[in-house]
């Protein structure tokens, strides 16, 4: 995918558990550290939206495809922050012919 088509920027955040000398976690499960110092060029494309009725709210799951350079350091479970578009949880990255990186990402919310 051409970098011209990747008009957005995103940063990768990864859960990096820190433990003390007794192997006790020092940070919570939702503590993330920024992986890349410079944002990657990317392109976010909507794939689907699912709504599940529940009590008291309806849960909404938005699924997108995120396209990034082949060398992007992204792993399943990472938190991806796309400038101007929000935060997404990463699925398993796919690198077709090592040309670029495709990652299915999702965002959850309630209505």
Protein backbone atom coordinates (compact mmCIF):
# COMPACT_ATOMS: atom_id res chain seq x y z
CA UNK A 1 0.00 0.00 0.00
CA UNK A 2 1.40 3.35 -1.02
CA UNK A 3 2.42 5.72 1.77
CA UNK A 4 0.38 8.41 -0.04
CA UNK A 5 -2.74 6.43 0.89
CA UNK A 6 -1.65 6.28 4.53
CA UNK A 7 -2.71 9.81 5.43
CA UNK A 8 -3.33 9.19 9.15
CA UNK A 9 -0.83 8.66 11.99
CA UNK A 10 -0.97 6.13 14.83
CA UNK A 11 1.04 5.19 17.88
CA UNK A 12 1.35 1.68 19.32
CA UNK A 13 0.94 1.13 23.06
CA UNK A 14 1.76 -2.26 24.64
CA UNK A 15 1.03 -3.71 28.04
CA UNK A 16 4.43 -4.28 29.58
CA UNK A 17 4.00 -5.88 33.01
CA UNK A 18 6.45 -4.64 35.57
CA UNK A 19 7.15 -6.82 38.61
CA UNK A 20 9.08 -6.38 41.84
CA UNK A 21 11.69 -8.79 43.22
CA UNK A 22 8.87 -11.03 44.56
CA UNK A 23 7.25 -11.30 41.08
CA UNK A 24 4.32 -9.14 42.19
CA UNK A 25 2.84 -6.90 39.46
CA UNK A 26 3.60 -3.22 39.99
CA UNK A 27 1.12 -1.92 37.44
CA UNK A 28 -2.46 -2.78 36.50
CA UNK A 29 -3.67 -4.83 33.56
CA UNK A 30 -4.61 -1.67 31.67
CA UNK A 31 -1.23 0.06 32.04
CA UNK A 32 0.38 0.57 28.64
CA UNK A 33 3.67 2.05 27.49
CA UNK A 34 4.26 3.67 24.12
CA UNK A 35 6.22 1.35 21.80
CA UNK A 36 7.15 3.64 18.91
CA UNK A 37 8.62 7.08 19.48
CA UNK A 38 7.41 8.41 16.13
CA UNK A 39 3.87 7.69 14.93
CA UNK A 40 3.50 5.33 11.98
CA UNK A 41 1.66 6.43 8.85
CA UNK A 42 -1.57 4.46 8.60
CA UNK A 43 -5.03 4.24 7.06
CA UNK A 44 -8.14 3.21 8.97
CA UNK A 45 -11.04 1.64 7.07
CA UNK A 46 -14.38 0.59 8.63
CA UNK A 47 -15.24 -3.06 8.22
CA UNK A 48 -18.41 -3.60 10.30
CA UNK A 49 -20.47 -2.52 13.29
CA UNK A 50 -22.22 -4.94 15.64
CA UNK A 51 -24.85 -4.02 18.23
CA UNK A 52 -25.80 -6.41 21.02
CA UNK A 53 -28.83 -5.52 23.12
CA UNK A 54 -28.24 -5.83 26.79
CA UNK A 55 -29.43 -4.42 30.05
CA UNK A 56 -29.16 -1.55 30.77
CA UNK A 57 -27.21 -0.52 27.65
CA UNK A 58 -26.68 -1.78 24.13
CA UNK A 59 -23.07 -2.80 23.50
CA UNK A 60 -21.62 -1.59 20.22
CA UNK A 61 -18.49 -3.14 18.67
CA UNK A 62 -16.90 -1.34 15.71
CA UNK A 63 -14.46 -3.39 13.61
CA UNK A 64 -11.93 -1.71 11.31
CA UNK A 65 -8.93 -2.61 9.20
CA UNK A 66 -5.78 -0.63 9.89
CA UNK A 67 -3.10 -0.51 7.19
CA UNK A 68 0.47 0.29 8.25
CA UNK A 69 4.03 -0.03 6.85
CA UNK A 70 5.46 -3.57 6.76
CA UNK A 71 8.02 -2.72 9.46
CA UNK A 72 5.42 -1.53 11.99
CA UNK A 73 6.02 -3.05 15.43
CA UNK A 74 2.49 -4.14 16.31
CA UNK A 75 1.25 -7.26 18.14
CA UNK A 76 -2.15 -8.74 18.96
CA UNK A 77 -3.53 -7.05 22.08
CA UNK A 78 -1.74 -3.74 21.53
CA UNK A 79 -3.61 -0.50 21.99
CA UNK A 80 -3.46 1.60 18.81
CA UNK A 81 -4.13 5.33 19.05
CA UNK A 82 -5.06 6.80 15.67
CA UNK A 83 -4.83 10.61 15.54
CA UNK A 84 -8.33 12.05 15.25
CA UNK A 85 -10.05 8.64 15.22
CA UNK A 86 -9.67 7.20 18.73
CA UNK A 87 -8.21 4.10 20.36
CA UNK A 88 -8.49 0.52 19.11
CA UNK A 89 -7.48 -2.95 20.30
CA UNK A 90 -5.31 -4.83 17.76
CA UNK A 91 -5.90 -8.33 16.44
CA UNK A 92 -3.19 -10.52 14.92
CA UNK A 93 -1.17 -8.55 12.30
CA UNK A 94 -0.97 -9.86 8.74
CA UNK A 95 1.86 -8.92 6.37
CA UNK A 96 0.99 -9.98 2.79
CA UNK A 97 4.28 -10.63 0.96
CA UNK A 98 5.92 -8.34 3.55
CA UNK A 99 4.54 -5.42 1.54
CA UNK A 100 2.52 -3.75 4.30
CA UNK A 101 0.83 -4.63 7.60
CA UNK A 102 -2.91 -5.19 7.94
CA UNK A 103 -4.42 -5.35 11.41
CA UNK A 104 -8.06 -5.91 12.26
CA UNK A 105 -8.83 -3.58 15.14
CA UNK A 106 -11.93 -3.02 17.24
CA UNK A 107 -13.43 -0.46 19.52
CA UNK A 108 -16.18 -1.17 22.06
CA UNK A 109 -18.71 1.20 23.50
CA UNK A 110 -22.27 1.44 24.72
CA UNK A 111 -25.31 3.32 23.52
